[in-house]
Amino acid sequence: MRGRWRFVAVAAVVLGWAGAAGAEPGLSNKVYAPYIRKGVTEVELRGGRLTGGPLDGEQAAVVELERGVSDRLSLAVLAEFEQHAGEAKKLDALAVEGVVYLGQIPGLGVDVGGYLEYEQRIHNESGVAEAKLLLAKRSGSFEGLLNLIAQRPLSDRPGQHDTQFGYAAQGTWDVGHNLRLGGQAFGDLGTDRSFGGRQAHYLGPVAQWEIRPAWLNHAELEFEGAYLLPVGTARDDTNGQVRFVVEYERWF
């Protein structure tokens, strides 16, 4: 029963948060799992690039340093870089984030976590607060992840008070040799003024590979690659999205 109330409480926070529109869904984001590994330090580089269409060449990347401080809490700092179509690359924002593991919903086998981030935009823009409800389900070789996302700009400027909701989802299977294959999706769900309807979505195949070579001295390297096709309003902007993640993990 306690696990169910934790789920309800975090869902209420996420679905009640207010936000503003950001970059294309998934461009420099990832699908978060609620699991925490105490004592593990992670250095991650992730990014994406749009291919074809009016936004051809638009790209974003994130460099993130994360630490598992306990079995239930991890903290991270990150920097985000962006390049809009026809413009120069720039450091767009700095941020701090935390992930908390809340437990498993009894009877469902769904693990639940919460995510909070404060992002400070650099180029005369407001800060942004972001909340995510992190859900995970494991069954045999399958793992399914779902993030429900909400953002809020900390600004009093007109037109920047709308809540923006979105999601990130992933389903993968362990096919052996430290390789997972499956599908991934990112998308918008609308705002508190206009929820639902035709929105931007991206979905497609994803591959993840993990190695532990002896020369890394018990550390791990993880690689992820995906190609996502546009759906809905995203089809007006691009022909697709290429995504990658490189992650180094070590116990300290």
C-alpha atoms as a PDB file:
ATOM      1  CA  MET A   1       0.000   0.000   0.000  1.00  0.00           C
ATOM      2  CA  ARG A   2       2.834   2.408   0.838  1.00  0.00           C
ATOM      3  CA  GLY A   3       4.308   1.857  -2.641  1.00  0.00           C
ATOM      4  CA  ARG A   4       1.015   2.774  -4.273  1.00  0.00           C
ATOM      5  CA  TRP A   5       0.815   6.043  -2.325  1.00  0.00           C
ATOM      6  CA  ARG A   6       4.377   6.903  -3.369  1.00  0.00           C
ATOM      7  CA  PHE A   7       3.371   6.373  -6.990  1.00  0.00           C
ATOM      8  CA  VAL A   8       0.288   8.561  -6.621  1.00  0.00           C
ATOM      9  CA  ALA A   9       2.249  11.341  -4.913  1.00  0.00           C
ATOM     10  CA  VAL A  10       4.962  11.525  -7.578  1.00  0.00           C
ATOM     11  CA  ALA A  11       2.400  11.331 -10.378  1.00  0.00           C
ATOM     12  CA  ALA A  12       0.550  14.272  -8.874  1.00  0.00           C
ATOM     13  CA  VAL A  13       3.753  16.341  -8.760  1.00  0.00           C
ATOM     14  CA  VAL A  14       4.678  15.570 -12.362  1.00  0.00           C
ATOM     15  CA  LEU A  15       1.237  16.021 -13.859  1.00  0.00           C
ATOM     16  CA  GLY A  16       0.716  19.226 -11.927  1.00  0.00           C
ATOM     17  CA  TRP A  17       3.954  20.925 -13.012  1.00  0.00           C
ATOM     18  CA  ALA A  18       3.912  23.875 -15.409  1.00  0.00           C
ATOM     19  CA  GLY A  19       6.359  24.313 -18.298  1.00  0.00           C
ATOM     20  CA  ALA A  20       7.437  25.743 -21.638  1.00  0.00           C
ATOM     21  CA  ALA A  21       8.406  24.341 -25.009  1.00  0.00           C
ATOM     22  CA  GLY A  22      12.015  23.267 -25.570  1.00  0.00           C
ATOM     23  CA  ALA A  23      13.987  21.580 -28.317  1.00  0.00           C
ATOM     24  CA  GLU A  24      12.690  18.791 -30.528  1.00  0.00           C
ATOM     25  CA  PRO A  25      11.658  15.755 -28.417  1.00  0.00           C
ATOM     26  CA  GLY A  26      14.564  13.420 -27.736  1.00  0.00           C
ATOM     27  CA  LEU A  27      17.287  15.474 -29.375  1.00  0.00           C
ATOM     28  CA  SER A  28      19.605  15.527 -26.334  1.00  0.00           C
ATOM     29  CA  ASN A  29      17.380  13.656 -23.892  1.00  0.00           C
ATOM     30  CA  LYS A  30      17.436  10.029 -22.794  1.00  0.00           C
ATOM     31  CA  VAL A  31      15.009   7.511 -21.348  1.00  0.00           C
ATOM     32  CA  TYR A  32      15.772   7.368 -17.632  1.00  0.00           C
ATOM     33  CA  ALA A  33      15.489   4.252 -15.484  1.00  0.00           C
ATOM     34  CA  PRO A  34      14.558   4.662 -11.788  1.00  0.00           C
ATOM     35  CA  TYR A  35      17.377   2.405 -10.600  1.00  0.00           C
ATOM     36  CA  ILE A  36      20.303   3.754  -8.552  1.00  0.00           C
ATOM     37  CA  ARG A  37      23.737   2.168  -8.051  1.00  0.00           C
ATOM     38  CA  LYS A  38      25.427   3.401  -4.895  1.00  0.00           C
ATOM     39  CA  GLY A  39      29.065   4.381  -5.296  1.00  0.00           C
ATOM     40  CA  VAL A  40      28.999   4.477  -9.101  1.00  0.00           C
ATOM     41  CA  THR A  41      30.260   7.571 -10.903  1.00  0.00           C
ATOM     42  CA  GLU A  42      29.106   8.031 -14.492  1.00  0.00           C
ATOM     43  CA  VAL A  43      30.399  10.349 -17.195  1.00  0.00           C
ATOM     44  CA  GLU A  44      28.029  10.535 -20.143  1.00  0.00           C
ATOM     45  CA  LEU A  45      27.975  12.193 -23.535  1.00  0.00           C
ATOM     46  CA  ARG A  46      24.711  12.069 -25.441  1.00  0.00           C
ATOM     47  CA  GLY A  47      23.348  13.929 -28.408  1.00  0.00           C
ATOM     48  CA  GLY A  48      21.176  13.991 -31.481  1.00  0.00           C
ATOM     49  CA  ARG A  49      20.956  15.549 -34.919  1.00  0.00           C
ATOM     50  CA  LEU A  50      18.015  16.152 -37.238  1.00  0.00           C
ATOM     51  CA  THR A  51      18.403  14.975 -40.830  1.00  0.00           C
ATOM     52  CA  GLY A  52      16.570  16.477 -43.797  1.00  0.00           C
ATOM     53  CA  GLY A  53      13.707  18.952 -43.915  1.00  0.00           C
ATOM     54  CA  PRO A  54      13.673  22.618 -42.809  1.00  0.00           C
ATOM     55  CA  LEU A  55      15.562  21.812 -39.582  1.00  0.00           C
ATOM     56  CA  ASP A  56      18.271  19.719 -41.248  1.00  0.00           C
ATOM     57  CA  GLY A  57      21.477  19.956 -39.213  1.00  0.00           C
ATOM     58  CA  GLU A  58      19.892  21.112 -35.952  1.00  0.00           C
ATOM     59  CA  GLN A  59      21.644  19.303 -33.135  1.00  0.00           C
ATOM     60  CA  ALA A  60      22.125  19.187 -29.378  1.00  0.00           C
ATOM     61  CA  ALA A  61      24.469  17.418 -26.974  1.00  0.00           C
ATOM     62  CA  VAL A  62      24.744  16.972 -23.206  1.00  0.00           C
ATOM     63  CA  VAL A  63      27.797  16.205 -21.062  1.00  0.00           C
ATOM     64  CA  GLU A  64      26.746  14.819 -17.678  1.00  0.00           C
ATOM     65  CA  LEU A  65      28.561  13.769 -14.494  1.00  0.00           C
ATOM     66  CA  GLU A  66      26.453  11.637 -12.126  1.00  0.00           C
ATOM     67  CA  ARG A  67      27.122  10.021  -8.756  1.00  0.00           C
ATOM     68  CA  GLY A  68      25.101   7.367  -6.930  1.00  0.00           C
ATOM     69  CA  VAL A  69      25.252   8.732  -3.389  1.00  0.00           C
ATOM     70  CA  SER A  70      23.026   6.017  -1.887  1.00  0.00           C
ATOM     71  CA  ASP A  71      20.814   3.095  -2.895  1.00  0.00           C
ATOM     72  CA  ARG A  72      17.951   5.535  -3.497  1.00  0.00           C
ATOM     73  CA  LEU A  73      19.536   8.814  -4.625  1.00  0.00           C
ATOM     74  CA  SER A  74      21.823   9.965  -7.424  1.00  0.00           C
ATOM     75  CA  LEU A  75      22.909  13.538  -8.166  1.00  0.00           C
ATOM     76  CA  ALA A  76      24.314  14.991 -11.376  1.00  0.00           C
ATOM     77  CA  VAL A  77      25.575  18.152 -13.024  1.00  0.00           C
ATOM     78  CA  LEU A  78      25.417  18.697 -16.763  1.00  0.00           C
ATOM     79  CA  ALA A  79      26.056  21.116 -19.603  1.00  0.00           C
ATOM     80  CA  GLU A  80      23.941  21.321 -22.757  1.00  0.00           C
ATOM     81  CA  PHE A  81      25.174  22.495 -26.144  1.00  0.00           C
ATOM     82  CA  GLU A  82      22.912  23.397 -29.062  1.00  0.00           C
ATOM     83  CA  GLN A  83      23.235  24.310 -32.703  1.00  0.00           C
ATOM     84  CA  HIS A  84      20.130  25.514 -34.489  1.00  0.00           C
ATOM     85  CA  ALA A  85      19.915  25.188 -38.243  1.00  0.00           C
ATOM     86  CA  GLY A  86      22.048  27.885 -39.862  1.00  0.00           C
ATOM     87  CA  GLU A  87      23.534  29.081 -36.554  1.00  0.00           C
ATOM     88  CA  ALA A  88      26.798  28.526 -34.674  1.00  0.00           C
ATOM     89  CA  LYS A  89      27.219  25.995 -31.882  1.00  0.00           C
ATOM     90  CA  LYS A  90      26.830  27.374 -28.356  1.00  0.00           C
ATOM     91  CA  LEU A  91      26.762  26.370 -24.718  1.00  0.00           C
ATOM     92  CA  ASP A  92      23.046  26.751 -24.071  1.00  0.00           C
ATOM     93  CA  ALA A  93      22.504  25.757 -20.429  1.00  0.00           C
ATOM     94  CA  LEU A  94      23.948  24.389 -17.189  1.00  0.00           C
ATOM     95  CA  ALA A  95      21.892  22.178 -14.890  1.00  0.00           C
ATOM     96  CA  VAL A  96      21.753  20.077 -11.727  1.00  0.00           C
ATOM     97  CA  GLU A  97      19.514  17.027 -11.368  1.00  0.00           C
ATOM     98  CA  GLY A  98      18.558  14.316  -8.924  1.00  0.00           C
ATOM     99  CA  VAL A  99      16.963  10.887  -9.305  1.00  0.00           C
ATOM    100  CA  VAL A 100      15.227   9.117  -6.406  1.00  0.00           C
ATOM    101  CA  TYR A 101      14.168   5.472  -6.341  1.00  0.00           C
ATOM    102  CA  LEU A 102      10.793   5.227  -4.581  1.00  0.00           C
ATOM    103  CA  GLY A 103      10.129   1.511  -4.686  1.00  0.00           C
ATOM    104  CA  GLN A 104       7.930  -1.003  -6.473  1.00  0.00           C
ATOM    105  CA  ILE A 105       4.159  -0.896  -6.883  1.00  0.00           C
ATOM    106  CA  PRO A 106       2.814  -3.989  -5.066  1.00  0.00           C
ATOM    107  CA  GLY A 107       1.176  -6.542  -7.311  1.00  0.00           C
ATOM    108  CA  LEU A 108       2.303  -4.858 -10.536  1.00  0.00           C
ATOM    109  CA  GLY A 109       6.062  -5.286 -10.412  1.00  0.00           C
ATOM    110  CA  VAL A 110       6.534  -1.723 -11.703  1.00  0.00           C
ATOM    111  CA  ASP A 111       9.496   0.160 -10.238  1.00  0.00           C
ATOM    112  CA  VAL A 112       8.933   3.873  -9.616  1.00  0.00           C
ATOM    113  CA  GLY A 113      11.323   6.799  -9.381  1.00  0.00           C
ATOM    114  CA  GLY A 114      11.224  10.576  -9.440  1.00  0.00           C
ATOM    115  CA  TYR A 115      13.449  13.060 -11.272  1.00  0.00           C
ATOM    116  CA  LEU A 116      13.941  16.770 -10.631  1.00  0.00           C
ATOM    117  CA  GLU A 117      16.185  19.167 -12.573  1.00  0.00           C
ATOM    118  CA  TYR A 118      16.982  22.846 -12.457  1.00  0.00           C
ATOM    119  CA  GLU A 119      18.404  24.200 -15.714  1.00  0.00           C
ATOM    120  CA  GLN A 120      19.811  27.691 -16.092  1.00  0.00           C
ATOM    121  CA  ARG A 121      19.748  28.939 -19.647  1.00  0.00           C
ATOM    122  CA  ILE A 122      22.680  31.165 -20.483  1.00  0.00           C
ATOM    123  CA  HIS A 123      21.631  33.456 -23.308  1.00  0.00           C
ATOM    124  CA  ASN A 124      19.324  35.945 -21.545  1.00  0.00           C
ATOM    125  CA  GLU A 125      16.650  33.340 -20.939  1.00  0.00           C
ATOM    126  CA  SER A 126      14.900  32.047 -17.843  1.00  0.00           C
ATOM    127  CA  GLY A 127      15.786  29.072 -15.724  1.00  0.00           C
ATOM    128  CA  VAL A 128      13.709  25.925 -16.206  1.00  0.00           C
ATOM    129  CA  ALA A 129      12.506  23.349 -13.668  1.00  0.00           C
ATOM    130  CA  GLU A 130      11.746  19.865 -14.940  1.00  0.00           C
ATOM    131  CA  ALA A 131      10.076  16.894 -13.267  1.00  0.00           C
ATOM    132  CA  LYS A 132       9.771  13.309 -14.464  1.00  0.00           C
ATOM    133  CA  LEU A 133       7.909  10.279 -13.245  1.00  0.00           C
ATOM    134  CA  LEU A 134      10.123   7.265 -13.972  1.00  0.00           C
ATOM    135  CA  LEU A 135       8.498   3.858 -14.465  1.00  0.00           C
ATOM    136  CA  ALA A 136      10.203   0.546 -15.238  1.00  0.00           C
ATOM    137  CA  LYS A 137       9.092  -3.064 -15.713  1.00  0.00           C
ATOM    138  CA  ARG A 138      11.381  -6.062 -16.107  1.00  0.00           C
ATOM    139  CA  SER A 139      10.308  -9.504 -17.243  1.00  0.00           C
ATOM    140  CA  GLY A 140      12.904 -12.053 -18.291  1.00  0.00           C
ATOM    141  CA  SER A 141      15.121 -10.494 -20.956  1.00  0.00           C
ATOM    142  CA  PHE A 142      12.702  -7.585 -21.500  1.00  0.00           C
ATOM    143  CA  GLU A 143      12.919  -4.154 -19.899  1.00  0.00           C
ATOM    144  CA  GLY A 144      10.347  -1.428 -20.474  1.00  0.00           C
ATOM    145  CA  LEU A 145      10.864   2.198 -19.423  1.00  0.00           C
ATOM    146  CA  LEU A 146       8.404   5.108 -19.432  1.00  0.00           C
ATOM    147  CA  ASN A 147       9.125   8.704 -18.405  1.00  0.00           C
ATOM    148  CA  LEU A 148       6.290  11.208 -17.997  1.00  0.00           C
ATOM    149  CA  ILE A 149       7.790  14.691 -18.276  1.00  0.00           C
ATOM    150  CA  ALA A 150       6.764  18.209 -17.330  1.00  0.00           C
ATOM    151  CA  GLN A 151       8.677  21.504 -17.539  1.00  0.00           C
ATOM    152  CA  ARG A 152       8.257  24.944 -16.033  1.00  0.00           C
ATOM    153  CA  PRO A 153      10.135  28.116 -17.017  1.00  0.00           C
ATOM    154  CA  LEU A 154      10.912  30.306 -14.020  1.00  0.00           C
ATOM    155  CA  SER A 155       9.942  33.455 -15.871  1.00  0.00           C
ATOM    156  CA  ASP A 156       7.356  36.226 -15.667  1.00  0.00           C
ATOM    157  CA  ARG A 157       7.524  36.974 -19.399  1.00  0.00           C
ATOM    158  CA  PRO A 158       4.199  36.970 -21.245  1.00  0.00           C
ATOM    159  CA  GLY A 159       3.469  33.765 -23.135  1.00  0.00           C
ATOM    160  CA  GLN A 160       5.941  31.660 -21.138  1.00  0.00           C
ATOM    161  CA  HIS A 161       3.641  30.273 -18.471  1.00  0.00           C
ATOM    162  CA  ASP A 162       2.115  27.311 -20.282  1.00  0.00           C
ATOM    163  CA  THR A 163       2.652  23.824 -18.898  1.00  0.00           C
ATOM    164  CA  GLN A 164       4.370  21.532 -21.384  1.00  0.00           C
ATOM    165  CA  PHE A 165       4.070  17.787 -21.016  1.00  0.00           C
ATOM    166  CA  GLY A 166       5.978  15.080 -22.830  1.00  0.00           C
ATOM    167  CA  TYR A 167       7.145  11.498 -22.614  1.00  0.00           C
ATOM    168  CA  ALA A 168      10.098   9.231 -23.317  1.00  0.00           C
ATOM    169  CA  ALA A 169       9.670   5.460 -23.710  1.00  0.00           C
ATOM    170  CA  GLN A 170      11.822   2.471 -24.467  1.00  0.00           C
ATOM    171  CA  GLY A 171      11.474  -1.289 -24.735  1.00  0.00           C
ATOM    172  CA  THR A 172      14.548  -3.510 -25.173  1.00  0.00           C
ATOM    173  CA  TRP A 173      15.453  -7.198 -25.057  1.00  0.00           C
ATOM    174  CA  ASP A 174      18.757  -8.748 -23.995  1.00  0.00           C
ATOM    175  CA  VAL A 175      19.877 -10.720 -27.061  1.00  0.00           C
ATOM    176  CA  GLY A 176      23.191 -11.857 -25.580  1.00  0.00           C
ATOM    177  CA  HIS A 177      26.824 -10.714 -25.738  1.00  0.00           C
ATOM    178  CA  ASN A 178      25.955  -7.602 -23.657  1.00  0.00           C
ATOM    179  CA  LEU A 179      23.706  -6.353 -26.471  1.00  0.00           C
ATOM    180  CA  ARG A 180      20.152  -5.056 -26.132  1.00  0.00           C
ATOM    181  CA  LEU A 181      17.858  -4.329 -29.098  1.00  0.00           C
ATOM    182  CA  GLY A 182      14.456  -2.700 -29.196  1.00  0.00           C
ATOM    183  CA  GLY A 183      12.574   0.511 -29.806  1.00  0.00           C
ATOM    184  CA  GLN A 184      12.581   4.055 -28.469  1.00  0.00           C
ATOM    185  CA  ALA A 185      10.159   6.981 -28.625  1.00  0.00           C
ATOM    186  CA  PHE A 186      10.054  10.634 -27.557  1.00  0.00           C
ATOM    187  CA  GLY A 187       7.185  13.044 -27.946  1.00  0.00           C
ATOM    188  CA  ASP A 188       5.144  16.037 -26.846  1.00  0.00           C
ATOM    189  CA  LEU A 189       1.751  15.693 -25.152  1.00  0.00           C
ATOM    190  CA  GLY A 190       0.697  19.336 -25.288  1.00  0.00           C
ATOM    191  CA  THR A 191       0.231  22.034 -22.675  1.00  0.00           C
ATOM    192  CA  ASP A 192      -2.277  22.953 -20.003  1.00  0.00           C
ATOM    193  CA  ARG A 193      -3.901  25.253 -22.581  1.00  0.00           C
ATOM    194  CA  SER A 194      -4.014  22.633 -25.325  1.00  0.00           C
ATOM    195  CA  PHE A 195      -3.449  19.059 -24.171  1.00  0.00           C
ATOM    196  CA  GLY A 196      -3.350  16.234 -26.693  1.00  0.00           C
ATOM    197  CA  GLY A 197      -4.128  16.638 -30.379  1.00  0.00           C
ATOM    198  CA  ARG A 198      -1.535  16.510 -33.136  1.00  0.00           C
ATOM    199  CA  GLN A 199       1.937  16.791 -31.577  1.00  0.00           C
ATOM    200  CA  ALA A 200       5.575  16.079 -32.488  1.00  0.00           C
ATOM    201  CA  HIS A 201       6.787  12.512 -31.927  1.00  0.00           C
ATOM    202  CA  TYR A 202       9.860  10.487 -32.878  1.00  0.00           C
ATOM    203  CA  LEU A 203      10.138   6.695 -32.787  1.00  0.00           C
ATOM    204  CA  GLY A 204      12.415   4.011 -34.127  1.00  0.00           C
ATOM    205  CA  PRO A 205      14.934   1.239 -33.393  1.00  0.00           C
ATOM    206  CA  VAL A 206      17.625   1.435 -30.703  1.00  0.00           C
ATOM    207  CA  ALA A 207      20.691  -0.687 -29.924  1.00  0.00           C
ATOM    208  CA  GLN A 208      22.669  -0.705 -26.662  1.00  0.00           C
ATOM    209  CA  TRP A 209      26.026  -2.392 -26.071  1.00  0.00           C
ATOM    210  CA  GLU A 210      28.014  -2.706 -22.851  1.00  0.00           C
ATOM    211  CA  ILE A 211      31.679  -3.732 -22.529  1.00  0.00           C
ATOM    212  CA  ARG A 212      34.068  -4.242 -19.605  1.00  0.00           C
ATOM    213  CA  PRO A 213      37.564  -4.502 -21.104  1.00  0.00           C
ATOM    214  CA  ALA A 214      40.445  -5.367 -18.766  1.00  0.00           C
ATOM    215  CA  TRP A 215      42.284  -2.137 -19.625  1.00  0.00           C
ATOM    216  CA  LEU A 216      39.443  -0.121 -18.038  1.00  0.00           C
ATOM    217  CA  ASN A 217      40.325  -1.584 -14.611  1.00  0.00           C
ATOM    218  CA  HIS A 218      36.807  -2.795 -13.675  1.00  0.00           C
ATOM    219  CA  ALA A 219      35.049   0.177 -15.274  1.00  0.00           C
ATOM    220  CA  GLU A 220      32.315  -0.115 -17.906  1.00  0.00           C
ATOM    221  CA  LEU A 221      31.632   1.507 -21.254  1.00  0.00           C
ATOM    222  CA  GLU A 222      28.104   1.686 -22.643  1.00  0.00           C
ATOM    223  CA  PHE A 223      27.115   2.696 -26.161  1.00  0.00           C
ATOM    224  CA  GLU A 224      23.684   3.487 -27.553  1.00  0.00           C
ATOM    225  CA  GLY A 225      22.586   4.360 -31.065  1.00  0.00           C
ATOM    226  CA  ALA A 226      19.134   5.056 -32.460  1.00  0.00           C
ATOM    227  CA  TYR A 227      17.458   6.377 -35.583  1.00  0.00           C
ATOM    228  CA  LEU A 228      14.007   7.829 -34.976  1.00  0.00           C
ATOM    229  CA  LEU A 229      11.405   8.670 -37.602  1.00  0.00           C
ATOM    230  CA  PRO A 230       9.148  11.722 -37.250  1.00  0.00           C
ATOM    231  CA  VAL A 231       5.436  11.363 -36.547  1.00  0.00           C
ATOM    232  CA  GLY A 232       2.743  14.030 -36.316  1.00  0.00           C
ATOM    233  CA  THR A 233       3.909  17.643 -36.549  1.00  0.00           C
ATOM    234  CA  ALA A 234       7.562  16.523 -36.479  1.00  0.00           C
ATOM    235  CA  ARG A 235       7.120  15.426 -40.112  1.00  0.00           C
ATOM    236  CA  ASP A 236       6.839  19.095 -41.070  1.00  0.00           C
ATOM    237  CA  ASP A 237      10.350  19.809 -39.742  1.00  0.00           C
ATOM    238  CA  THR A 238      12.645  16.886 -40.547  1.00  0.00           C
ATOM    239  CA  ASN A 239      13.016  13.444 -42.096  1.00  0.00           C
ATOM    240  CA  GLY A 240      14.480  11.824 -39.004  1.00  0.00           C
ATOM    241  CA  GLN A 241      16.674  12.026 -35.932  1.00  0.00           C
ATOM    242  CA  VAL A 242      20.006  10.296 -35.267  1.00  0.00           C
ATOM    243  CA  ARG A 243      20.815   9.778 -31.553  1.00  0.00           C
ATOM    244  CA  PHE A 244      23.845   8.460 -29.654  1.00  0.00           C
ATOM    245  CA  VAL A 245      24.968   7.911 -26.054  1.00  0.00           C
ATOM    246  CA  VAL A 246      28.460   7.069 -24.758  1.00  0.00           C
ATOM    247  CA  GLU A 247      28.767   6.399 -21.029  1.00  0.00           C
ATOM    248  CA  TYR A 248      31.727   5.576 -18.771  1.00  0.00           C
ATOM    249  CA  GLU A 249      30.926   4.021 -15.361  1.00  0.00           C
ATOM    250  CA  ARG A 250      33.197   3.186 -12.445  1.00  0.00           C
ATOM    251  CA  TRP A 251      32.898   2.380  -8.737  1.00  0.00           C
ATOM    252  CA  PHE A 252      34.839   4.794  -6.526  1.00  0.00           C
END
